[in-house]
Structure formats: C-alpha cells, structure tokens
Amino acid sequence: MTILTLFLYLHILILAHGGSTPEINEALNYVADTLLFAGAALILASALPGEDTQDPVNVILPRY
C-alpha cells in the first residue's frame, strides 16, 4: 500500500516541494490520509472473525 500511495502521490509531493507551505501541507495531507485510511482498513480486516476451519470429517463423525 505504501508503494502504491507513493506512486500515486509522488508527483504532488514533487510539485509542492518548490511551492509554499500550504501546498506542502496539502500534499503531505494526501499521503497521510491515504496511509491512515489503508491502515484502518487493515486493522478492521484483522479484527473481523475468520472462517471456521474445522475438519469436515470431525464435524460429521466426531472422534471420541
């Protein structure tokens, strides 16, 4: 995700480098917002319960 973000927003960062402070802040804001949103999505995905991975044979014919 980091590579994709830098690929998409690197030109904005390069163009803002020679500009004023508000332009640099806006460019950094784009990158930070994108990485923050991606991180939140990954944290949410890891917190969701996974599929039940029981062996189907043991569910039908339990071992005693």
N, C-alpha and C. Protein backbone atom coordinates (compact mmCIF):
# COMPACT_ATOMS: atom_id res chain seq x y z
N MET A 1 0.83 -1.19 0.00
CA MET A 1 0.00 0.00 0.00
C MET A 1 0.87 1.25 0.00
N THR A 2 1.99 1.18 0.69
CA THR A 2 2.88 2.33 0.74
C THR A 2 3.44 2.65 -0.63
N ILE A 3 3.82 1.63 -1.36
CA ILE A 3 4.37 1.83 -2.71
C ILE A 3 3.31 2.41 -3.63
N LEU A 4 2.09 1.89 -3.55
CA LEU A 4 1.01 2.40 -4.39
C LEU A 4 0.71 3.86 -4.05
N THR A 5 0.70 4.19 -2.77
CA THR A 5 0.45 5.58 -2.36
C THR A 5 1.54 6.51 -2.87
N LEU A 6 2.78 6.11 -2.71
CA LEU A 6 3.87 6.96 -3.20
C LEU A 6 3.83 7.08 -4.72
N PHE A 7 3.47 6.00 -5.40
CA PHE A 7 3.37 6.05 -6.86
C PHE A 7 2.29 7.04 -7.29
N LEU A 8 1.17 7.04 -6.61
CA LEU A 8 0.06 7.92 -7.00
C LEU A 8 0.27 9.38 -6.60
N TYR A 9 0.91 9.61 -5.45
CA TYR A 9 1.00 10.96 -4.92
C TYR A 9 2.41 11.56 -4.97
N LEU A 10 3.37 10.83 -5.52
CA LEU A 10 4.73 11.35 -5.55
C LEU A 10 4.83 12.62 -6.40
N HIS A 11 4.11 12.68 -7.50
CA HIS A 11 4.17 13.89 -8.33
C HIS A 11 3.60 15.10 -7.60
N ILE A 12 2.60 14.90 -6.74
CA ILE A 12 2.06 16.01 -5.96
C ILE A 12 3.11 16.50 -4.96
N LEU A 13 3.82 15.55 -4.34
CA LEU A 13 4.87 15.93 -3.39
C LEU A 13 6.00 16.67 -4.09
N ILE A 14 6.37 16.22 -5.28
CA ILE A 14 7.47 16.86 -6.02
C ILE A 14 7.08 18.27 -6.43
N LEU A 15 5.87 18.44 -6.94
CA LEU A 15 5.42 19.77 -7.37
C LEU A 15 5.25 20.71 -6.18
N ALA A 16 4.86 20.18 -5.03
CA ALA A 16 4.67 21.04 -3.86
C ALA A 16 5.98 21.40 -3.19
N HIS A 17 7.04 20.69 -3.48
CA HIS A 17 8.32 20.94 -2.82
C HIS A 17 8.83 22.36 -3.09
N GLY A 18 8.62 22.86 -4.29
CA GLY A 18 9.07 24.21 -4.61
C GLY A 18 8.06 25.28 -4.27
N GLY A 19 6.90 24.88 -3.76
CA GLY A 19 5.84 25.84 -3.51
C GLY A 19 5.84 26.36 -2.09
N SER A 20 4.70 26.88 -1.72
CA SER A 20 4.55 27.49 -0.40
C SER A 20 4.22 26.42 0.65
N THR A 21 4.20 26.83 1.87
CA THR A 21 3.93 25.92 2.98
C THR A 21 2.54 25.28 2.90
N PRO A 22 1.48 26.04 2.55
CA PRO A 22 0.17 25.38 2.43
C PRO A 22 0.14 24.29 1.36
N GLU A 23 0.88 24.47 0.27
CA GLU A 23 0.90 23.44 -0.77
C GLU A 23 1.61 22.18 -0.28
N ILE A 24 2.68 22.36 0.46
CA ILE A 24 3.40 21.21 1.01
C ILE A 24 2.52 20.49 2.04
N ASN A 25 1.84 21.24 2.87
CA ASN A 25 0.94 20.64 3.85
C ASN A 25 -0.18 19.86 3.17
N GLU A 26 -0.72 20.38 2.09
CA GLU A 26 -1.78 19.69 1.38
C GLU A 26 -1.27 18.40 0.75
N ALA A 27 -0.09 18.43 0.18
CA ALA A 27 0.49 17.23 -0.43
C ALA A 27 0.76 16.17 0.62
N LEU A 28 1.32 16.56 1.74
CA LEU A 28 1.56 15.60 2.82
C LEU A 28 0.26 15.08 3.41
N ASN A 29 -0.77 15.93 3.41
CA ASN A 29 -2.07 15.51 3.91
C ASN A 29 -2.66 14.41 3.03
N TYR A 30 -2.52 14.52 1.70
CA TYR A 30 -3.00 13.47 0.81
C TYR A 30 -2.35 12.13 1.14
N VAL A 31 -1.04 12.14 1.29
CA VAL A 31 -0.31 10.90 1.56
C VAL A 31 -0.69 10.35 2.93
N ALA A 32 -0.72 11.19 3.95
CA ALA A 32 -1.03 10.73 5.30
C ALA A 32 -2.46 10.21 5.40
N ASP A 33 -3.41 10.88 4.77
CA ASP A 33 -4.80 10.42 4.81
C ASP A 33 -4.95 9.07 4.14
N THR A 34 -4.29 8.88 3.01
CA THR A 34 -4.39 7.62 2.30
C THR A 34 -3.79 6.48 3.11
N LEU A 35 -2.62 6.70 3.70
CA LEU A 35 -1.98 5.66 4.50
C LEU A 35 -2.79 5.38 5.78
N LEU A 36 -3.36 6.41 6.38
CA LEU A 36 -4.17 6.23 7.57
C LEU A 36 -5.43 5.43 7.26
N PHE A 37 -6.09 5.74 6.15
CA PHE A 37 -7.29 5.00 5.76
C PHE A 37 -6.94 3.54 5.46
N ALA A 38 -5.84 3.30 4.77
CA ALA A 38 -5.43 1.93 4.46
C ALA A 38 -5.10 1.16 5.74
N GLY A 39 -4.42 1.81 6.66
CA GLY A 39 -4.10 1.16 7.93
C GLY A 39 -5.34 0.82 8.73
N ALA A 40 -6.32 1.72 8.74
CA ALA A 40 -7.57 1.46 9.45
C ALA A 40 -8.32 0.30 8.82
N ALA A 41 -8.31 0.22 7.49
CA ALA A 41 -8.98 -0.89 6.80
C ALA A 41 -8.29 -2.22 7.12
N LEU A 42 -6.96 -2.23 7.18
CA LEU A 42 -6.23 -3.46 7.51
C LEU A 42 -6.47 -3.88 8.96
N ILE A 43 -6.53 -2.92 9.87
CA ILE A 43 -6.80 -3.24 11.27
C ILE A 43 -8.21 -3.80 11.42
N LEU A 44 -9.17 -3.20 10.73
CA LEU A 44 -10.54 -3.71 10.77
C LEU A 44 -10.62 -5.12 10.20
N ALA A 45 -9.94 -5.36 9.10
CA ALA A 45 -9.97 -6.69 8.49
C ALA A 45 -9.34 -7.74 9.39
N SER A 46 -8.30 -7.37 10.11
CA SER A 46 -7.67 -8.34 11.01
C SER A 46 -8.51 -8.59 12.26
N ALA A 47 -9.37 -7.65 12.62
CA ALA A 47 -10.21 -7.81 13.81
C ALA A 47 -11.48 -8.62 13.53
N LEU A 48 -11.86 -8.75 12.28
CA LEU A 48 -13.06 -9.50 11.95
C LEU A 48 -12.83 -10.99 12.17
N PRO A 49 -13.86 -11.71 12.58
CA PRO A 49 -13.68 -13.14 12.79
C PRO A 49 -13.46 -13.86 11.45
N GLY A 50 -12.60 -14.86 11.50
CA GLY A 50 -12.30 -15.63 10.30
C GLY A 50 -13.29 -16.76 10.11
N GLU A 51 -13.09 -17.51 9.04
CA GLU A 51 -13.94 -18.65 8.79
C GLU A 51 -13.60 -19.77 9.76
N ASP A 52 -14.60 -20.58 10.06
CA ASP A 52 -14.37 -21.73 10.93
C ASP A 52 -13.65 -22.80 10.12
N THR A 53 -12.49 -23.18 10.56
CA THR A 53 -11.66 -24.10 9.78
C THR A 53 -11.64 -25.50 10.39
N GLN A 54 -12.78 -25.98 10.83
CA GLN A 54 -12.86 -27.32 11.37
C GLN A 54 -12.78 -28.33 10.24
N ASP A 55 -12.25 -29.48 10.58
CA ASP A 55 -12.18 -30.58 9.63
C ASP A 55 -13.60 -31.11 9.42
N PRO A 56 -14.11 -31.15 8.16
CA PRO A 56 -15.50 -31.60 7.94
C PRO A 56 -15.73 -33.04 8.39
N VAL A 57 -14.73 -33.88 8.36
CA VAL A 57 -14.89 -35.26 8.80
C VAL A 57 -15.14 -35.31 10.31
N ASN A 58 -14.46 -34.49 11.06
CA ASN A 58 -14.66 -34.47 12.51
C ASN A 58 -15.99 -33.85 12.90
N VAL A 59 -16.53 -33.00 12.05
CA VAL A 59 -17.83 -32.40 12.35
C VAL A 59 -18.93 -33.44 12.14
N ILE A 60 -18.82 -34.21 11.08
CA ILE A 60 -19.84 -35.23 10.78
C ILE A 60 -19.67 -36.45 11.70
N LEU A 61 -18.46 -36.93 11.84
CA LEU A 61 -18.17 -38.10 12.67
C LEU A 61 -17.17 -37.71 13.76
N PRO A 62 -17.65 -37.21 14.88
CA PRO A 62 -16.71 -36.77 15.91
C PRO A 62 -15.93 -37.95 16.49
N ARG A 63 -14.69 -37.69 16.84
CA ARG A 63 -13.84 -38.72 17.45
C ARG A 63 -14.03 -38.69 18.95
N TYR A 64 -14.15 -39.87 19.55
CA TYR A 64 -14.33 -39.99 20.99
C TYR A 64 -13.11 -40.60 21.63
